[in-house]
Amino acid sequence: MGDAGGIGTGEAEALAAAAERSLPVLVSERRASRLAQALGIESRTPIDLLFAGTPQREQLRQRIRKYADLVQLRIADLDYLMKLIEARTP
């Protein structure tokens, strides 16, 4: 896998396509998200989608934990996400 300015080739290609077509992009890396913002491209992360699409707290907790396992999310990041879930209005 290549590297384009600190982000993977796939995310670089997704950003280029989004910019060319004036569409939002789904990215998983923080660097890609920051680059999208700098380029004026609307971006979302898988976490954004999980929060937006899961209104029930317990189901969201389960989905976030499953995602965290899949991507080997850092414990500190998982703890932060769990706090965000608790702060949500029911």
N, C-alpha and C. Protein backbone atom coordinates (compact mmCIF):
# COMPACT_ATOMS: atom_id res chain seq x y z
N MET A 1 0.85 -1.18 0.00
CA MET A 1 0.00 0.00 0.00
C MET A 1 0.88 1.24 0.00
N GLY A 2 0.57 2.17 -0.86
CA GLY A 2 1.36 3.39 -0.98
C GLY A 2 1.01 4.41 0.08
N ASP A 3 1.71 5.52 0.01
CA ASP A 3 1.52 6.59 0.97
C ASP A 3 1.52 7.91 0.21
N ALA A 4 0.47 8.70 0.40
CA ALA A 4 0.35 9.98 -0.30
C ALA A 4 0.26 11.10 0.72
N GLY A 5 1.41 11.67 1.04
CA GLY A 5 1.42 12.78 1.99
C GLY A 5 0.96 12.41 3.38
N GLY A 6 1.27 11.21 3.82
CA GLY A 6 0.89 10.81 5.17
C GLY A 6 -0.43 10.06 5.25
N ILE A 7 -1.13 9.91 4.13
CA ILE A 7 -2.36 9.12 4.13
C ILE A 7 -2.20 8.00 3.11
N GLY A 8 -3.01 6.97 3.27
CA GLY A 8 -2.93 5.84 2.36
C GLY A 8 -3.41 6.19 0.95
N THR A 9 -2.99 5.40 0.01
CA THR A 9 -3.36 5.61 -1.38
C THR A 9 -4.87 5.60 -1.57
N GLY A 10 -5.54 4.66 -0.92
CA GLY A 10 -7.00 4.57 -1.06
C GLY A 10 -7.71 5.82 -0.59
N GLU A 11 -7.27 6.35 0.54
CA GLU A 11 -7.91 7.57 1.04
C GLU A 11 -7.55 8.77 0.18
N ALA A 12 -6.34 8.80 -0.35
CA ALA A 12 -5.95 9.88 -1.27
C ALA A 12 -6.83 9.85 -2.52
N GLU A 13 -7.07 8.66 -3.04
CA GLU A 13 -7.93 8.52 -4.22
C GLU A 13 -9.37 8.91 -3.90
N ALA A 14 -9.85 8.52 -2.72
CA ALA A 14 -11.21 8.89 -2.32
C ALA A 14 -11.34 10.41 -2.19
N LEU A 15 -10.34 11.05 -1.62
CA LEU A 15 -10.36 12.51 -1.50
C LEU A 15 -10.34 13.18 -2.87
N ALA A 16 -9.52 12.66 -3.77
CA ALA A 16 -9.45 13.23 -5.11
C ALA A 16 -10.79 13.09 -5.83
N ALA A 17 -11.42 11.93 -5.71
CA ALA A 17 -12.73 11.72 -6.36
C ALA A 17 -13.79 12.62 -5.75
N ALA A 18 -13.77 12.75 -4.42
CA ALA A 18 -14.75 13.62 -3.75
C ALA A 18 -14.57 15.07 -4.17
N ALA A 19 -13.33 15.50 -4.27
CA ALA A 19 -13.06 16.89 -4.69
C ALA A 19 -13.52 17.11 -6.13
N GLU A 20 -13.22 16.16 -6.99
CA GLU A 20 -13.58 16.28 -8.40
C GLU A 20 -15.09 16.31 -8.61
N ARG A 21 -15.81 15.55 -7.77
CA ARG A 21 -17.27 15.43 -7.95
C ARG A 21 -18.07 16.28 -6.97
N SER A 22 -17.39 17.03 -6.12
CA SER A 22 -18.05 17.84 -5.09
C SER A 22 -18.98 17.00 -4.22
N LEU A 23 -18.45 15.88 -3.74
CA LEU A 23 -19.19 14.96 -2.88
C LEU A 23 -18.50 14.82 -1.53
N PRO A 24 -19.24 14.45 -0.49
CA PRO A 24 -18.60 14.15 0.79
C PRO A 24 -17.83 12.83 0.68
N VAL A 25 -16.95 12.59 1.63
CA VAL A 25 -16.11 11.40 1.59
C VAL A 25 -16.12 10.74 2.97
N LEU A 26 -16.03 9.41 2.97
CA LEU A 26 -15.91 8.63 4.21
C LEU A 26 -14.44 8.27 4.38
N VAL A 27 -13.84 8.71 5.48
CA VAL A 27 -12.43 8.40 5.76
C VAL A 27 -12.31 7.87 7.18
N SER A 28 -11.30 7.04 7.39
CA SER A 28 -11.13 6.48 8.73
C SER A 28 -9.90 7.01 9.45
N GLU A 29 -9.02 7.65 8.74
CA GLU A 29 -7.79 8.15 9.35
C GLU A 29 -7.91 9.64 9.68
N ARG A 30 -7.38 10.02 10.83
CA ARG A 30 -7.42 11.43 11.25
C ARG A 30 -6.71 12.34 10.25
N ARG A 31 -5.59 11.89 9.74
CA ARG A 31 -4.85 12.72 8.77
C ARG A 31 -5.70 12.99 7.53
N ALA A 32 -6.40 11.97 7.06
CA ALA A 32 -7.24 12.14 5.88
C ALA A 32 -8.41 13.08 6.18
N SER A 33 -8.95 12.98 7.38
CA SER A 33 -10.05 13.86 7.78
C SER A 33 -9.58 15.31 7.83
N ARG A 34 -8.40 15.53 8.40
CA ARG A 34 -7.84 16.89 8.46
C ARG A 34 -7.53 17.43 7.06
N LEU A 35 -7.03 16.57 6.20
CA LEU A 35 -6.73 16.99 4.84
C LEU A 35 -8.02 17.33 4.10
N ALA A 36 -9.06 16.53 4.28
CA ALA A 36 -10.35 16.81 3.65
C ALA A 36 -10.85 18.18 4.09
N GLN A 37 -10.75 18.45 5.38
CA GLN A 37 -11.20 19.74 5.90
C GLN A 37 -10.39 20.87 5.27
N ALA A 38 -9.08 20.70 5.18
CA ALA A 38 -8.22 21.74 4.59
C ALA A 38 -8.56 21.98 3.12
N LEU A 39 -9.02 20.94 2.44
CA LEU A 39 -9.37 21.06 1.03
C LEU A 39 -10.82 21.50 0.82
N GLY A 40 -11.55 21.66 1.91
CA GLY A 40 -12.95 22.06 1.81
C GLY A 40 -13.88 20.94 1.43
N ILE A 41 -13.48 19.69 1.69
CA ILE A 41 -14.28 18.53 1.36
C ILE A 41 -15.00 18.07 2.64
N GLU A 42 -16.30 17.91 2.55
CA GLU A 42 -17.06 17.40 3.69
C GLU A 42 -16.66 15.94 3.90
N SER A 43 -16.35 15.59 5.14
CA SER A 43 -15.95 14.21 5.41
C SER A 43 -16.68 13.67 6.63
N ARG A 44 -16.81 12.37 6.65
CA ARG A 44 -17.40 11.65 7.77
C ARG A 44 -16.48 10.47 8.08
N THR A 45 -16.58 10.01 9.32
CA THR A 45 -15.84 8.83 9.74
C THR A 45 -16.83 7.71 10.04
N PRO A 46 -16.35 6.47 10.13
CA PRO A 46 -17.26 5.39 10.53
C PRO A 46 -17.91 5.67 11.88
N ILE A 47 -17.19 6.30 12.79
CA ILE A 47 -17.75 6.64 14.10
C ILE A 47 -18.91 7.62 13.94
N ASP A 48 -18.75 8.63 13.07
CA ASP A 48 -19.85 9.57 12.80
C ASP A 48 -21.09 8.82 12.35
N LEU A 49 -20.90 7.86 11.45
CA LEU A 49 -22.03 7.10 10.93
C LEU A 49 -22.69 6.24 12.01
N LEU A 50 -21.87 5.64 12.87
CA LEU A 50 -22.43 4.84 13.96
C LEU A 50 -23.26 5.70 14.90
N PHE A 51 -22.74 6.88 15.27
CA PHE A 51 -23.49 7.77 16.15
C PHE A 51 -24.78 8.26 15.49
N ALA A 52 -24.70 8.63 14.22
CA ALA A 52 -25.86 9.17 13.52
C ALA A 52 -26.93 8.10 13.29
N GLY A 53 -26.52 6.87 13.08
CA GLY A 53 -27.47 5.83 12.72
C GLY A 53 -27.92 4.92 13.83
N THR A 54 -27.50 5.19 15.06
CA THR A 54 -27.84 4.31 16.17
C THR A 54 -28.38 5.12 17.34
N PRO A 55 -29.69 5.31 17.42
CA PRO A 55 -30.24 6.15 18.49
C PRO A 55 -30.22 5.50 19.88
N GLN A 56 -30.24 4.18 19.96
CA GLN A 56 -30.28 3.51 21.27
C GLN A 56 -28.86 3.38 21.84
N ARG A 57 -28.71 3.82 23.08
CA ARG A 57 -27.38 3.83 23.71
C ARG A 57 -26.74 2.46 23.77
N GLU A 58 -27.48 1.47 24.23
CA GLU A 58 -26.87 0.14 24.41
C GLU A 58 -26.44 -0.44 23.06
N GLN A 59 -27.25 -0.29 22.07
CA GLN A 59 -26.89 -0.77 20.74
C GLN A 59 -25.67 -0.01 20.22
N LEU A 60 -25.61 1.28 20.47
CA LEU A 60 -24.45 2.08 20.05
C LEU A 60 -23.19 1.61 20.77
N ARG A 61 -23.29 1.35 22.07
CA ARG A 61 -22.13 0.83 22.82
C ARG A 61 -21.62 -0.45 22.17
N GLN A 62 -22.54 -1.35 21.85
CA GLN A 62 -22.15 -2.63 21.25
C GLN A 62 -21.49 -2.43 19.90
N ARG A 63 -22.05 -1.55 19.09
CA ARG A 63 -21.49 -1.30 17.76
C ARG A 63 -20.11 -0.64 17.84
N ILE A 64 -19.97 0.30 18.78
CA ILE A 64 -18.67 0.96 18.95
C ILE A 64 -17.63 -0.05 19.42
N ARG A 65 -17.99 -0.91 20.35
CA ARG A 65 -17.04 -1.93 20.83
C ARG A 65 -16.62 -2.87 19.70
N LYS A 66 -17.59 -3.27 18.89
CA LYS A 66 -17.29 -4.16 17.77
C LYS A 66 -16.36 -3.46 16.78
N TYR A 67 -16.65 -2.22 16.47
CA TYR A 67 -15.80 -1.44 15.56
C TYR A 67 -14.40 -1.30 16.17
N ALA A 68 -14.34 -1.00 17.47
CA ALA A 68 -13.05 -0.83 18.14
C ALA A 68 -12.21 -2.09 18.03
N ASP A 69 -12.84 -3.25 18.17
CA ASP A 69 -12.12 -4.52 18.03
C ASP A 69 -11.61 -4.71 16.59
N LEU A 70 -12.46 -4.37 15.63
CA LEU A 70 -12.09 -4.56 14.23
C LEU A 70 -10.90 -3.71 13.82
N VAL A 71 -10.85 -2.47 14.29
CA VAL A 71 -9.79 -1.56 13.86
C VAL A 71 -8.69 -1.39 14.90
N GLN A 72 -8.79 -2.15 15.99
CA GLN A 72 -7.81 -2.09 17.07
C GLN A 72 -7.67 -0.67 17.61
N LEU A 73 -8.82 -0.09 17.93
CA LEU A 73 -8.88 1.26 18.47
C LEU A 73 -8.16 1.32 19.81
N ARG A 74 -7.47 2.42 20.06
CA ARG A 74 -6.77 2.59 21.33
C ARG A 74 -7.78 2.66 22.47
N ILE A 75 -7.40 2.15 23.63
CA ILE A 75 -8.29 2.14 24.81
C ILE A 75 -8.72 3.55 25.16
N ALA A 76 -7.81 4.51 25.10
CA ALA A 76 -8.15 5.90 25.44
C ALA A 76 -9.23 6.43 24.50
N ASP A 77 -9.15 6.08 23.21
CA ASP A 77 -10.15 6.52 22.25
C ASP A 77 -11.49 5.84 22.51
N LEU A 78 -11.45 4.56 22.84
CA LEU A 78 -12.68 3.85 23.17
C LEU A 78 -13.33 4.44 24.41
N ASP A 79 -12.54 4.73 25.43
CA ASP A 79 -13.08 5.35 26.64
C ASP A 79 -13.74 6.70 26.32
N TYR A 80 -13.10 7.48 25.47
CA TYR A 80 -13.65 8.77 25.08
C TYR A 80 -15.00 8.59 24.38
N LEU A 81 -15.08 7.64 23.47
CA LEU A 81 -16.34 7.39 22.76
C LEU A 81 -17.44 6.94 23.72
N MET A 82 -17.09 6.12 24.69
CA MET A 82 -18.09 5.67 25.67
C MET A 82 -18.61 6.85 26.49
N LYS A 83 -17.74 7.79 26.80
CA LYS A 83 -18.19 9.00 27.52
C LYS A 83 -19.12 9.83 26.66
N LEU A 84 -18.85 9.90 25.36
CA LEU A 84 -19.75 10.63 24.45
C LEU A 84 -21.12 9.96 24.41
N ILE A 85 -21.13 8.65 24.43
CA ILE A 85 -22.41 7.93 24.44
C ILE A 85 -23.19 8.26 25.69
N GLU A 86 -22.53 8.27 26.82
CA GLU A 86 -23.20 8.56 28.09
C GLU A 86 -23.74 9.99 28.12
N ALA A 87 -23.05 10.90 27.44
CA ALA A 87 -23.48 12.31 27.43
C ALA A 87 -24.65 12.56 26.49
N ARG A 88 -24.95 11.61 25.64
CA ARG A 88 -26.07 11.76 24.70
C ARG A 88 -27.40 11.83 25.44
N THR A 89 -28.29 12.63 24.90
CA THR A 89 -29.64 12.64 25.46
C THR A 89 -30.35 11.38 24.98
N PRO A 90 -31.14 10.77 25.86
CA PRO A 90 -31.79 9.51 25.50
C PRO A 90 -32.74 9.62 24.34
